[in-house]
Amino acid sequence: MEDMKKGTTTIGLIAKDAVVMASEQKSVLGYMIESKLAKKIYQLDDHIGLTVAGAVGDAQAMVRLLKAQLKLYKLDRGPITVKAAATLLSNILQSSKYFPYINQFILAGYDNQPGLYSFDPFGGFDFKDKFYSTGSGSPFAYGVLEAGFKENMTTEETIALVIKAIKVAIERDIGSGGKGFEVVIIDKNGYRELSQQELKRFS
């Protein structure tokens, strides 16, 4: 658990008609910055995404496993629900508890409505809150989210809030930073990552 707190800030937040995910892009190896453009948000399906914090190898292995399982599910039964995808991730983590994935995950998606789930390394998950943050920068991000969140925020308002929270974490957390940040919107139209041009509107 202490290793997971040495780098990264990721956020998931439910808006009125969407769920928004964001992360900064620094990857650290001890006191060395390994990458300034690390990817920390992954598309799992047309309507589901995952943020990762912690050991990079474990995170990438989980992403590959989930993508494969969701494709198999789609071939057999059609698109998986967000809740079912969350249960699948929880079951994988629980079955690996003796050799756990050293990660924290936020899974988000949209089927009939936006869904958001936060996981610990042993498969425990929470879905009752409207926003979550993981990684070493999360205490700083939570301060901004707690102060700025309100019910039924528009997607634009939500994007502005998560970017503000990421920027605060970058300023105050030594393990968060990089050359920018990623922001993803998932709504009735599916999964979409904002371009750098679009992000400039909120900077």
N, C-alpha and C. Protein backbone atom coordinates (compact mmCIF):
# COMPACT_ATOMS: atom_id res chain seq x y z
N MET A 1 0.82 -1.21 0.00
CA MET A 1 0.00 0.00 0.00
C MET A 1 0.85 1.25 0.00
N GLU A 2 1.97 1.25 0.71
CA GLU A 2 2.83 2.43 0.73
C GLU A 2 3.44 2.71 -0.65
N ASP A 3 3.78 1.65 -1.40
CA ASP A 3 4.34 1.83 -2.73
C ASP A 3 3.37 2.56 -3.65
N MET A 4 2.07 2.31 -3.49
CA MET A 4 1.08 2.93 -4.36
C MET A 4 0.95 4.42 -4.09
N LYS A 5 1.42 4.88 -2.93
CA LYS A 5 1.25 6.27 -2.57
C LYS A 5 2.41 7.15 -3.03
N LYS A 6 3.34 6.57 -3.79
CA LYS A 6 4.53 7.32 -4.17
C LYS A 6 4.38 8.08 -5.48
N GLY A 7 3.29 7.92 -6.19
CA GLY A 7 3.11 8.62 -7.44
C GLY A 7 1.69 8.50 -7.95
N THR A 8 1.29 9.43 -8.79
CA THR A 8 0.02 9.39 -9.53
C THR A 8 -1.11 10.15 -8.83
N THR A 9 -1.92 10.78 -9.67
CA THR A 9 -3.22 11.30 -9.26
C THR A 9 -4.22 10.94 -10.34
N THR A 10 -5.24 10.18 -10.00
CA THR A 10 -6.33 9.89 -10.93
C THR A 10 -7.64 10.28 -10.28
N ILE A 11 -8.62 10.61 -11.12
CA ILE A 11 -9.92 11.06 -10.64
C ILE A 11 -11.03 10.47 -11.51
N GLY A 12 -12.13 10.12 -10.88
CA GLY A 12 -13.37 9.79 -11.58
C GLY A 12 -14.50 10.56 -10.93
N LEU A 13 -15.39 11.16 -11.74
CA LEU A 13 -16.47 11.98 -11.18
C LEU A 13 -17.71 11.85 -12.05
N ILE A 14 -18.85 11.65 -11.40
CA ILE A 14 -20.11 11.52 -12.12
C ILE A 14 -20.74 12.89 -12.34
N ALA A 15 -21.02 13.20 -13.60
CA ALA A 15 -21.75 14.41 -13.97
C ALA A 15 -23.22 14.06 -14.17
N LYS A 16 -24.00 15.02 -14.62
CA LYS A 16 -25.43 14.80 -14.80
C LYS A 16 -25.69 13.72 -15.85
N ASP A 17 -25.00 13.80 -16.98
CA ASP A 17 -25.26 12.88 -18.08
C ASP A 17 -24.00 12.16 -18.56
N ALA A 18 -22.99 12.07 -17.72
CA ALA A 18 -21.73 11.46 -18.14
C ALA A 18 -20.90 11.13 -16.91
N VAL A 19 -19.81 10.43 -17.14
CA VAL A 19 -18.79 10.27 -16.12
C VAL A 19 -17.48 10.74 -16.73
N VAL A 20 -16.71 11.49 -15.94
CA VAL A 20 -15.45 12.07 -16.41
C VAL A 20 -14.30 11.47 -15.63
N MET A 21 -13.24 11.07 -16.33
CA MET A 21 -12.04 10.52 -15.72
C MET A 21 -10.86 11.40 -16.10
N ALA A 22 -9.91 11.55 -15.17
CA ALA A 22 -8.75 12.40 -15.44
C ALA A 22 -7.53 11.86 -14.70
N SER A 23 -6.35 12.17 -15.24
CA SER A 23 -5.11 11.82 -14.57
C SER A 23 -4.00 12.74 -15.05
N GLU A 24 -2.96 12.87 -14.21
CA GLU A 24 -1.73 13.52 -14.69
C GLU A 24 -0.89 12.45 -15.38
N GLN A 25 0.34 12.79 -15.81
CA GLN A 25 1.06 11.88 -16.69
C GLN A 25 2.50 11.56 -16.27
N LYS A 26 2.84 11.82 -15.01
CA LYS A 26 4.20 11.50 -14.57
C LYS A 26 4.28 10.06 -14.11
N SER A 27 5.37 9.39 -14.52
CA SER A 27 5.67 8.04 -14.04
C SER A 27 7.04 8.08 -13.37
N VAL A 28 7.10 7.61 -12.12
CA VAL A 28 8.35 7.69 -11.37
C VAL A 28 8.90 6.31 -11.07
N LEU A 29 10.23 6.25 -10.98
CA LEU A 29 10.95 5.05 -10.58
C LEU A 29 11.88 5.46 -9.46
N GLY A 30 11.38 5.33 -8.22
CA GLY A 30 12.12 5.87 -7.09
C GLY A 30 12.15 7.39 -7.19
N TYR A 31 13.37 7.95 -7.21
CA TYR A 31 13.51 9.40 -7.34
C TYR A 31 13.72 9.87 -8.77
N MET A 32 13.63 8.93 -9.72
CA MET A 32 13.80 9.28 -11.12
C MET A 32 12.45 9.37 -11.82
N ILE A 33 12.27 10.38 -12.66
CA ILE A 33 11.08 10.48 -13.48
C ILE A 33 11.28 9.60 -14.70
N GLU A 34 10.52 8.52 -14.76
CA GLU A 34 10.68 7.55 -15.85
C GLU A 34 10.01 8.05 -17.13
N SER A 35 8.85 8.71 -16.98
CA SER A 35 8.14 9.23 -18.15
C SER A 35 7.35 10.46 -17.76
N LYS A 36 7.26 11.42 -18.69
CA LYS A 36 6.44 12.62 -18.49
C LYS A 36 5.13 12.52 -19.25
N LEU A 37 4.94 11.40 -19.97
CA LEU A 37 3.73 11.21 -20.76
C LEU A 37 3.15 9.82 -20.54
N ALA A 38 3.15 9.38 -19.28
CA ALA A 38 2.65 8.05 -18.96
C ALA A 38 1.13 7.99 -19.12
N LYS A 39 0.65 6.85 -19.62
CA LYS A 39 -0.79 6.66 -19.78
C LYS A 39 -1.37 6.03 -18.53
N LYS A 40 -2.43 6.65 -18.00
CA LYS A 40 -3.04 6.15 -16.76
C LYS A 40 -4.54 5.96 -16.87
N ILE A 41 -5.10 6.21 -18.06
CA ILE A 41 -6.52 5.94 -18.32
C ILE A 41 -6.60 5.06 -19.55
N TYR A 42 -7.31 3.94 -19.43
CA TYR A 42 -7.40 2.97 -20.52
C TYR A 42 -8.86 2.71 -20.89
N GLN A 43 -9.11 2.60 -22.17
CA GLN A 43 -10.42 2.21 -22.66
C GLN A 43 -10.53 0.70 -22.63
N LEU A 44 -11.53 0.17 -21.94
CA LEU A 44 -11.74 -1.27 -21.87
C LEU A 44 -12.78 -1.74 -22.88
N ASP A 45 -13.76 -0.88 -23.16
CA ASP A 45 -14.82 -1.19 -24.11
C ASP A 45 -15.34 0.13 -24.66
N ASP A 46 -16.35 0.06 -25.50
CA ASP A 46 -16.88 1.29 -26.10
C ASP A 46 -17.47 2.23 -25.06
N HIS A 47 -17.81 1.70 -23.88
CA HIS A 47 -18.52 2.50 -22.88
C HIS A 47 -17.91 2.38 -21.49
N ILE A 48 -16.69 1.85 -21.39
CA ILE A 48 -16.07 1.62 -20.08
C ILE A 48 -14.60 2.01 -20.12
N GLY A 49 -14.13 2.68 -19.06
CA GLY A 49 -12.73 3.04 -18.93
C GLY A 49 -12.20 2.70 -17.56
N LEU A 50 -10.88 2.71 -17.42
CA LEU A 50 -10.23 2.34 -16.16
C LEU A 50 -9.05 3.27 -15.91
N THR A 51 -8.96 3.83 -14.69
CA THR A 51 -7.76 4.55 -14.30
C THR A 51 -6.89 3.63 -13.46
N VAL A 52 -5.57 3.84 -13.53
CA VAL A 52 -4.64 2.99 -12.80
C VAL A 52 -3.68 3.83 -11.97
N ALA A 53 -3.36 3.32 -10.79
CA ALA A 53 -2.34 3.92 -9.94
C ALA A 53 -1.59 2.77 -9.28
N GLY A 54 -0.26 2.86 -9.25
CA GLY A 54 0.53 1.80 -8.64
C GLY A 54 1.53 1.21 -9.61
N ALA A 55 1.82 -0.08 -9.46
CA ALA A 55 2.82 -0.76 -10.26
C ALA A 55 2.39 -0.83 -11.73
N VAL A 56 3.22 -0.32 -12.62
CA VAL A 56 2.85 -0.22 -14.03
C VAL A 56 2.63 -1.60 -14.65
N GLY A 57 3.53 -2.54 -14.39
CA GLY A 57 3.38 -3.87 -14.97
C GLY A 57 2.08 -4.54 -14.56
N ASP A 58 1.74 -4.45 -13.27
CA ASP A 58 0.49 -5.02 -12.79
C ASP A 58 -0.70 -4.35 -13.46
N ALA A 59 -0.66 -3.04 -13.58
CA ALA A 59 -1.76 -2.30 -14.19
C ALA A 59 -1.96 -2.71 -15.64
N GLN A 60 -0.87 -2.81 -16.40
CA GLN A 60 -0.98 -3.17 -17.81
C GLN A 60 -1.47 -4.60 -17.97
N ALA A 61 -1.04 -5.49 -17.10
CA ALA A 61 -1.53 -6.88 -17.15
C ALA A 61 -3.03 -6.93 -16.89
N MET A 62 -3.50 -6.14 -15.93
CA MET A 62 -4.93 -6.10 -15.63
C MET A 62 -5.72 -5.55 -16.81
N VAL A 63 -5.21 -4.50 -17.43
CA VAL A 63 -5.90 -3.92 -18.58
C VAL A 63 -6.04 -4.95 -19.71
N ARG A 64 -4.96 -5.68 -19.99
CA ARG A 64 -5.01 -6.70 -21.04
C ARG A 64 -6.04 -7.78 -20.70
N LEU A 65 -6.04 -8.20 -19.43
CA LEU A 65 -6.97 -9.25 -19.00
C LEU A 65 -8.42 -8.79 -19.11
N LEU A 66 -8.69 -7.58 -18.64
CA LEU A 66 -10.06 -7.07 -18.69
C LEU A 66 -10.54 -6.86 -20.12
N LYS A 67 -9.68 -6.33 -20.97
CA LYS A 67 -10.07 -6.14 -22.38
C LYS A 67 -10.45 -7.47 -23.02
N ALA A 68 -9.65 -8.50 -22.76
CA ALA A 68 -9.93 -9.82 -23.33
C ALA A 68 -11.25 -10.39 -22.80
N GLN A 69 -11.47 -10.26 -21.50
CA GLN A 69 -12.68 -10.79 -20.89
C GLN A 69 -13.93 -10.06 -21.39
N LEU A 70 -13.82 -8.75 -21.55
CA LEU A 70 -14.97 -7.97 -22.02
C LEU A 70 -15.29 -8.27 -23.48
N LYS A 71 -14.26 -8.55 -24.28
CA LYS A 71 -14.50 -8.93 -25.68
C LYS A 71 -15.19 -10.28 -25.76
N LEU A 72 -14.74 -11.23 -24.94
CA LEU A 72 -15.38 -12.55 -24.92
C LEU A 72 -16.83 -12.44 -24.46
N TYR A 73 -17.07 -11.62 -23.45
CA TYR A 73 -18.43 -11.43 -22.95
C TYR A 73 -19.32 -10.85 -24.04
N LYS A 74 -18.79 -9.85 -24.78
CA LYS A 74 -19.57 -9.20 -25.84
C LYS A 74 -19.93 -10.18 -26.95
N LEU A 75 -19.00 -11.06 -27.30
CA LEU A 75 -19.27 -12.05 -28.34
C LEU A 75 -20.38 -13.00 -27.94
N ASP A 76 -20.45 -13.30 -26.65
CA ASP A 76 -21.41 -14.28 -26.15
C ASP A 76 -22.76 -13.65 -25.79
N ARG A 77 -22.71 -12.46 -25.15
CA ARG A 77 -23.94 -11.89 -24.58
C ARG A 77 -24.23 -10.45 -24.98
N GLY A 78 -23.32 -9.83 -25.69
CA GLY A 78 -23.48 -8.41 -25.99
C GLY A 78 -22.69 -7.57 -24.99
N PRO A 79 -22.81 -6.25 -25.10
CA PRO A 79 -22.02 -5.36 -24.23
C PRO A 79 -22.29 -5.62 -22.75
N ILE A 80 -21.23 -5.64 -21.97
CA ILE A 80 -21.34 -5.86 -20.53
C ILE A 80 -21.83 -4.60 -19.83
N THR A 81 -22.55 -4.74 -18.75
CA THR A 81 -22.94 -3.58 -17.97
C THR A 81 -21.76 -3.09 -17.14
N VAL A 82 -21.82 -1.84 -16.72
CA VAL A 82 -20.74 -1.29 -15.91
C VAL A 82 -20.64 -2.04 -14.58
N LYS A 83 -21.77 -2.35 -14.00
CA LYS A 83 -21.78 -3.08 -12.73
C LYS A 83 -21.16 -4.47 -12.88
N ALA A 84 -21.46 -5.15 -13.97
CA ALA A 84 -20.89 -6.49 -14.19
C ALA A 84 -19.39 -6.41 -14.42
N ALA A 85 -18.93 -5.37 -15.13
CA ALA A 85 -17.49 -5.19 -15.33
C ALA A 85 -16.79 -4.93 -13.99
N ALA A 86 -17.44 -4.16 -13.12
CA ALA A 86 -16.88 -3.89 -11.79
C ALA A 86 -16.81 -5.17 -10.97
N THR A 87 -17.83 -6.00 -11.05
CA THR A 87 -17.83 -7.28 -10.33
C THR A 87 -16.72 -8.19 -10.85
N LEU A 88 -16.53 -8.20 -12.16
CA LEU A 88 -15.45 -8.99 -12.75
C LEU A 88 -14.09 -8.55 -12.21
N LEU A 89 -13.83 -7.25 -12.21
CA LEU A 89 -12.57 -6.74 -11.70
C LEU A 89 -12.40 -7.08 -10.22
N SER A 90 -13.46 -6.95 -9.45
CA SER A 90 -13.40 -7.29 -8.03
C SER A 90 -13.05 -8.77 -7.83
N ASN A 91 -13.65 -9.64 -8.64
CA ASN A 91 -13.40 -11.08 -8.52
C ASN A 91 -11.95 -11.43 -8.89
N ILE A 92 -11.42 -10.77 -9.93
CA ILE A 92 -10.03 -11.02 -10.32
C ILE A 92 -9.08 -10.61 -9.19
N LEU A 93 -9.32 -9.44 -8.62
CA LEU A 93 -8.47 -8.95 -7.53
C LEU A 93 -8.56 -9.86 -6.30
N GLN A 94 -9.76 -10.30 -5.98
CA GLN A 94 -9.93 -11.17 -4.82
C GLN A 94 -9.25 -12.51 -5.03
N SER A 95 -9.31 -13.05 -6.23
CA SER A 95 -8.70 -14.35 -6.50
C SER A 95 -7.18 -14.27 -6.52
N SER A 96 -6.64 -13.05 -6.58
CA SER A 96 -5.18 -12.87 -6.62
C SER A 96 -4.63 -12.30 -5.31
N LYS A 97 -5.37 -12.43 -4.23
CA LYS A 97 -5.00 -11.72 -3.00
C LYS A 97 -3.69 -12.21 -2.38
N TYR A 98 -3.27 -13.44 -2.68
CA TYR A 98 -2.00 -13.92 -2.13
C TYR A 98 -0.82 -13.38 -2.91
N PHE A 99 -1.05 -13.02 -4.17
CA PHE A 99 -0.06 -12.35 -5.01
C PHE A 99 -0.76 -11.16 -5.66
N PRO A 100 -1.07 -10.15 -4.87
CA PRO A 100 -2.00 -9.10 -5.34
C PRO A 100 -1.41 -8.20 -6.41
N TYR A 101 -2.33 -7.64 -7.19
CA TYR A 101 -1.97 -6.55 -8.08
C TYR A 101 -1.72 -5.32 -7.22
N ILE A 102 -0.54 -4.73 -7.34
CA ILE A 102 -0.19 -3.59 -6.48
C ILE A 102 -0.71 -2.32 -7.13
N ASN A 103 -2.02 -2.18 -7.08
CA ASN A 103 -2.69 -1.07 -7.76
C ASN A 103 -3.93 -0.62 -7.03
N GLN A 104 -4.32 0.60 -7.34
CA GLN A 104 -5.67 1.09 -7.07
C GLN A 104 -6.29 1.40 -8.42
N PHE A 105 -7.56 1.02 -8.58
CA PHE A 105 -8.25 1.23 -9.84
C PHE A 105 -9.53 2.04 -9.62
N ILE A 106 -9.87 2.84 -10.62
CA ILE A 106 -11.20 3.44 -10.71
C ILE A 106 -11.78 2.98 -12.05
N LEU A 107 -12.92 2.31 -11.99
CA LEU A 107 -13.62 1.87 -13.20
C LEU A 107 -14.85 2.72 -13.39
N ALA A 108 -15.04 3.22 -14.60
CA ALA A 108 -16.19 4.09 -14.88
C ALA A 108 -16.78 3.72 -16.22
N GLY A 109 -18.06 3.99 -16.38
CA GLY A 109 -18.71 3.71 -17.65
C GLY A 109 -20.12 4.25 -17.71
N TYR A 110 -20.76 4.01 -18.83
CA TYR A 110 -22.12 4.49 -19.05
C TYR A 110 -22.89 3.41 -19.80
N ASP A 111 -23.99 2.93 -19.18
CA ASP A 111 -24.92 2.09 -19.92
C ASP A 111 -26.25 2.81 -19.98
N ASN A 112 -27.15 2.59 -19.01
CA ASN A 112 -28.36 3.40 -18.94
C ASN A 112 -28.12 4.70 -18.18
N GLN A 113 -27.05 4.72 -17.39
CA GLN A 113 -26.67 5.89 -16.60
C GLN A 113 -25.19 5.79 -16.29
N PRO A 114 -24.57 6.88 -15.85
CA PRO A 114 -23.14 6.79 -15.51
C PRO A 114 -22.91 5.94 -14.27
N GLY A 115 -21.80 5.19 -14.28
CA GLY A 115 -21.43 4.36 -13.14
C GLY A 115 -19.97 4.58 -12.79
N LEU A 116 -19.66 4.52 -11.49
CA LEU A 116 -18.30 4.80 -11.02
C LEU A 116 -17.97 3.91 -9.83
N TYR A 117 -16.81 3.22 -9.90
CA TYR A 117 -16.41 2.27 -8.86
C TYR A 117 -14.93 2.47 -8.53
N SER A 118 -14.60 2.43 -7.25
CA SER A 118 -13.22 2.52 -6.79
C SER A 118 -12.84 1.23 -6.08
N PHE A 119 -11.61 0.72 -6.35
CA PHE A 119 -11.20 -0.59 -5.86
C PHE A 119 -9.93 -0.52 -5.02
N ASP A 120 -9.86 -1.38 -4.00
CA ASP A 120 -8.60 -1.60 -3.31
C ASP A 120 -7.90 -2.81 -3.92
N PRO A 121 -6.65 -3.10 -3.56
CA PRO A 121 -5.92 -4.19 -4.23
C PRO A 121 -6.48 -5.59 -4.01
N PHE A 122 -7.38 -5.75 -3.04
CA PHE A 122 -7.90 -7.08 -2.72
C PHE A 122 -9.33 -7.30 -3.21
N GLY A 123 -9.84 -6.38 -4.02
CA GLY A 123 -11.14 -6.58 -4.64
C GLY A 123 -12.29 -5.85 -3.98
N GLY A 124 -12.04 -5.22 -2.84
CA GLY A 124 -13.10 -4.42 -2.24
C GLY A 124 -13.40 -3.22 -3.12
N PHE A 125 -14.69 -2.93 -3.33
CA PHE A 125 -14.99 -1.76 -4.16
C PHE A 125 -16.13 -0.95 -3.57
N ASP A 126 -16.12 0.32 -3.91
CA ASP A 126 -17.13 1.26 -3.42
C ASP A 126 -17.74 1.97 -4.61
N PHE A 127 -19.05 2.20 -4.55
CA PHE A 127 -19.74 2.85 -5.65
C PHE A 127 -20.78 3.86 -5.17
N LYS A 128 -20.73 4.22 -3.90
CA LYS A 128 -21.76 5.08 -3.34
C LYS A 128 -21.47 6.57 -3.51
N ASP A 129 -20.21 6.92 -3.69
CA ASP A 129 -19.85 8.33 -3.85
C ASP A 129 -19.90 8.74 -5.32
N LYS A 130 -19.98 10.04 -5.55
CA LYS A 130 -20.04 10.57 -6.91
C LYS A 130 -18.66 10.91 -7.46
N PHE A 131 -17.63 10.83 -6.62
CA PHE A 131 -16.28 11.06 -7.12
C PHE A 131 -15.27 10.28 -6.28
N TYR A 132 -14.17 9.89 -6.94
CA TYR A 132 -13.07 9.19 -6.29
C TYR A 132 -11.75 9.70 -6.85
N SER A 133 -10.71 9.56 -6.04
CA SER A 133 -9.36 9.86 -6.49
C SER A 133 -8.42 8.82 -5.90
N THR A 134 -7.38 8.46 -6.67
CA THR A 134 -6.40 7.51 -6.18
C THR A 134 -4.99 8.05 -6.38
N GLY A 135 -4.02 7.40 -5.73
CA GLY A 135 -2.63 7.77 -5.86
C GLY A 135 -2.17 8.76 -4.82
N SER A 136 -0.89 9.08 -4.88
CA SER A 136 -0.29 9.93 -3.85
C SER A 136 -0.83 11.35 -3.84
N GLY A 137 -1.34 11.81 -4.99
CA GLY A 137 -1.89 13.16 -5.06
C GLY A 137 -3.35 13.24 -4.65
N SER A 138 -3.95 12.11 -4.31
CA SER A 138 -5.40 12.09 -4.03
C SER A 138 -5.82 12.97 -2.84
N PRO A 139 -5.03 13.08 -1.75
CA PRO A 139 -5.48 13.96 -0.67
C PRO A 139 -5.65 15.42 -1.13
N PHE A 140 -4.77 15.87 -2.02
CA PHE A 140 -4.89 17.24 -2.53
C PHE A 140 -6.07 17.36 -3.49
N ALA A 141 -6.25 16.34 -4.33
CA ALA A 141 -7.36 16.35 -5.27
C ALA A 141 -8.70 16.31 -4.54
N TYR A 142 -8.78 15.50 -3.48
CA TYR A 142 -10.03 15.40 -2.73
C TYR A 142 -10.43 16.74 -2.12
N GLY A 143 -9.45 17.53 -1.68
CA GLY A 143 -9.78 18.83 -1.12
C GLY A 143 -10.51 19.71 -2.12
N VAL A 144 -10.05 19.69 -3.38
CA VAL A 144 -10.69 20.48 -4.43
C VAL A 144 -12.06 19.89 -4.78
N LEU A 145 -12.13 18.57 -4.89
CA LEU A 145 -13.39 17.93 -5.26
C LEU A 145 -14.46 18.14 -4.20
N GLU A 146 -14.08 18.01 -2.93
CA GLU A 146 -15.05 18.22 -1.85
C GLU A 146 -15.60 19.64 -1.87
N ALA A 147 -14.72 20.60 -2.14
CA ALA A 147 -15.15 22.01 -2.13
C ALA A 147 -15.96 22.37 -3.36
N GLY A 148 -15.66 21.75 -4.51
CA GLY A 148 -16.28 22.19 -5.75
C GLY A 148 -17.42 21.35 -6.28
N PHE A 149 -17.60 20.14 -5.75
CA PHE A 149 -18.62 19.25 -6.30
C PHE A 149 -20.02 19.69 -5.91
N LYS A 150 -20.93 19.56 -6.88
CA LYS A 150 -22.36 19.72 -6.60
C LYS A 150 -23.12 18.73 -7.45
N GLU A 151 -24.33 18.40 -7.04
CA GLU A 151 -25.13 17.42 -7.76
C GLU A 151 -25.51 17.95 -9.14
N ASN A 152 -25.63 17.02 -10.08
CA ASN A 152 -26.10 17.31 -11.43
C ASN A 152 -25.26 18.36 -12.15
N MET A 153 -23.95 18.26 -11.99
CA MET A 153 -23.05 19.16 -12.71
C MET A 153 -23.09 18.84 -14.20
N THR A 154 -22.95 19.87 -15.03
CA THR A 154 -22.84 19.63 -16.46
C THR A 154 -21.48 18.99 -16.75
N THR A 155 -21.37 18.42 -17.93
CA THR A 155 -20.09 17.81 -18.31
C THR A 155 -18.98 18.85 -18.34
N GLU A 156 -19.29 20.04 -18.84
CA GLU A 156 -18.29 21.11 -18.91
C GLU A 156 -17.82 21.51 -17.50
N GLU A 157 -18.77 21.64 -16.57
CA GLU A 157 -18.42 21.99 -15.19
C GLU A 157 -17.56 20.89 -14.56
N THR A 158 -17.89 19.65 -14.86
CA THR A 158 -17.15 18.53 -14.30
C THR A 158 -15.73 18.49 -14.83
N ILE A 159 -15.56 18.70 -16.12
CA ILE A 159 -14.22 18.74 -16.71
C ILE A 159 -13.38 19.82 -16.05
N ALA A 160 -13.95 21.01 -15.89
CA ALA A 160 -13.23 22.12 -15.27
C ALA A 160 -12.81 21.77 -13.85
N LEU A 161 -13.69 21.09 -13.10
CA LEU A 161 -13.38 20.74 -11.71
C LEU A 161 -12.28 19.69 -11.62
N VAL A 162 -12.35 18.65 -12.44
CA VAL A 162 -11.33 17.61 -12.35
C VAL A 162 -9.96 18.13 -12.80
N ILE A 163 -9.94 19.02 -13.78
CA ILE A 163 -8.67 19.61 -14.21
C ILE A 163 -8.09 20.48 -13.10
N LYS A 164 -8.94 21.22 -12.42
CA LYS A 164 -8.47 22.04 -11.29
C LYS A 164 -7.88 21.14 -10.21
N ALA A 165 -8.55 20.03 -9.92
CA ALA A 165 -8.06 19.10 -8.89
C ALA A 165 -6.73 18.47 -9.29
N ILE A 166 -6.60 18.09 -10.56
CA ILE A 166 -5.34 17.52 -11.04
C ILE A 166 -4.22 18.55 -10.93
N LYS A 167 -4.50 19.79 -11.30
CA LYS A 167 -3.47 20.84 -11.25
C LYS A 167 -2.99 21.10 -9.82
N VAL A 168 -3.92 21.08 -8.88
CA VAL A 168 -3.54 21.27 -7.48
C VAL A 168 -2.65 20.12 -7.02
N ALA A 169 -3.01 18.89 -7.39
CA ALA A 169 -2.19 17.74 -7.02
C ALA A 169 -0.80 17.84 -7.62
N ILE A 170 -0.72 18.28 -8.88
CA ILE A 170 0.58 18.44 -9.53
C ILE A 170 1.44 19.47 -8.78
N GLU A 171 0.81 20.53 -8.31
CA GLU A 171 1.54 21.58 -7.61
C GLU A 171 2.05 21.12 -6.25
N ARG A 172 1.31 20.22 -5.58
CA ARG A 172 1.62 19.89 -4.19
C ARG A 172 2.18 18.49 -3.96
N ASP A 173 1.99 17.58 -4.91
CA ASP A 173 2.44 16.20 -4.74
C ASP A 173 3.67 15.96 -5.60
N ILE A 174 4.77 15.53 -4.97
CA ILE A 174 6.02 15.32 -5.70
C ILE A 174 5.92 14.18 -6.71
N GLY A 175 5.00 13.25 -6.50
CA GLY A 175 4.86 12.11 -7.39
C GLY A 175 3.93 12.33 -8.56
N SER A 176 3.31 13.51 -8.63
CA SER A 176 2.37 13.81 -9.72
C SER A 176 2.93 14.93 -10.59
N GLY A 177 2.68 14.86 -11.87
CA GLY A 177 3.18 15.90 -12.77
C GLY A 177 3.15 15.45 -14.21
N GLY A 178 4.25 15.67 -14.93
CA GLY A 178 4.31 15.32 -16.33
C GLY A 178 4.09 16.52 -17.22
N LYS A 179 3.90 16.27 -18.50
CA LYS A 179 3.76 17.35 -19.47
C LYS A 179 2.32 17.80 -19.66
N GLY A 180 1.40 17.15 -18.99
CA GLY A 180 0.00 17.52 -19.14
C GLY A 180 -0.88 16.58 -18.36
N PHE A 181 -2.09 16.40 -18.85
CA PHE A 181 -3.02 15.51 -18.19
C PHE A 181 -3.98 14.93 -19.23
N GLU A 182 -4.57 13.81 -18.87
CA GLU A 182 -5.56 13.14 -19.71
C GLU A 182 -6.94 13.38 -19.13
N VAL A 183 -7.93 13.58 -19.99
CA VAL A 183 -9.32 13.68 -19.56
C VAL A 183 -10.17 12.87 -20.53
N VAL A 184 -11.03 12.02 -19.98
CA VAL A 184 -11.90 11.16 -20.78
C VAL A 184 -13.35 11.40 -20.35
N ILE A 185 -14.22 11.46 -21.34
CA ILE A 185 -15.67 11.55 -21.10
C ILE A 185 -16.31 10.26 -21.57
N ILE A 186 -17.19 9.69 -20.74
CA ILE A 186 -17.99 8.54 -21.16
C ILE A 186 -19.46 8.89 -20.95
N ASP A 187 -20.22 8.89 -22.03
CA ASP A 187 -21.64 9.22 -21.95
C ASP A 187 -22.42 8.32 -22.90
N LYS A 188 -23.63 8.71 -23.24
CA LYS A 188 -24.47 7.86 -24.11
C LYS A 188 -23.85 7.64 -25.49
N ASN A 189 -22.92 8.50 -25.87
CA ASN A 189 -22.26 8.37 -27.16
C ASN A 189 -20.99 7.52 -27.08
N GLY A 190 -20.64 7.07 -25.88
CA GLY A 190 -19.48 6.21 -25.71
C GLY A 190 -18.28 6.89 -25.09
N TYR A 191 -17.14 6.27 -25.27
CA TYR A 191 -15.87 6.68 -24.66
C TYR A 191 -15.16 7.67 -25.58
N ARG A 192 -14.71 8.80 -25.01
CA ARG A 192 -13.99 9.78 -25.82
C ARG A 192 -12.93 10.48 -24.99
N GLU A 193 -11.69 10.47 -25.49
CA GLU A 193 -10.61 11.20 -24.84
C GLU A 193 -10.51 12.60 -25.44
N LEU A 194 -10.45 13.61 -24.58
CA LEU A 194 -10.34 14.97 -25.07
C LEU A 194 -8.97 15.22 -25.68
N SER A 195 -8.96 15.94 -26.78
CA SER A 195 -7.71 16.30 -27.44
C SER A 195 -7.01 17.42 -26.65
N GLN A 196 -5.73 17.61 -26.92
CA GLN A 196 -4.99 18.69 -26.26
C GLN A 196 -5.59 20.05 -26.61
N GLN A 197 -6.11 20.17 -27.83
CA GLN A 197 -6.76 21.42 -28.24
C GLN A 197 -8.00 21.70 -27.39
N GLU A 198 -8.79 20.66 -27.16
CA GLU A 198 -9.99 20.81 -26.33
C GLU A 198 -9.61 21.15 -24.90
N LEU A 199 -8.55 20.53 -24.38
CA LEU A 199 -8.14 20.77 -23.00
C LEU A 199 -7.68 22.21 -22.77
N LYS A 200 -7.16 22.84 -23.82
CA LYS A 200 -6.69 24.23 -23.69
C LYS A 200 -7.81 25.18 -23.29
N ARG A 201 -9.03 24.84 -23.64
CA ARG A 201 -10.19 25.67 -23.26
C ARG A 201 -10.36 25.75 -21.76
N PHE A 202 -9.88 24.71 -21.05
CA PHE A 202 -10.08 24.65 -19.60
C PHE A 202 -8.82 25.02 -18.83
N SER A 203 -7.74 25.31 -19.53
CA SER A 203 -6.45 25.58 -18.88
C SER A 203 -6.30 27.04 -18.51
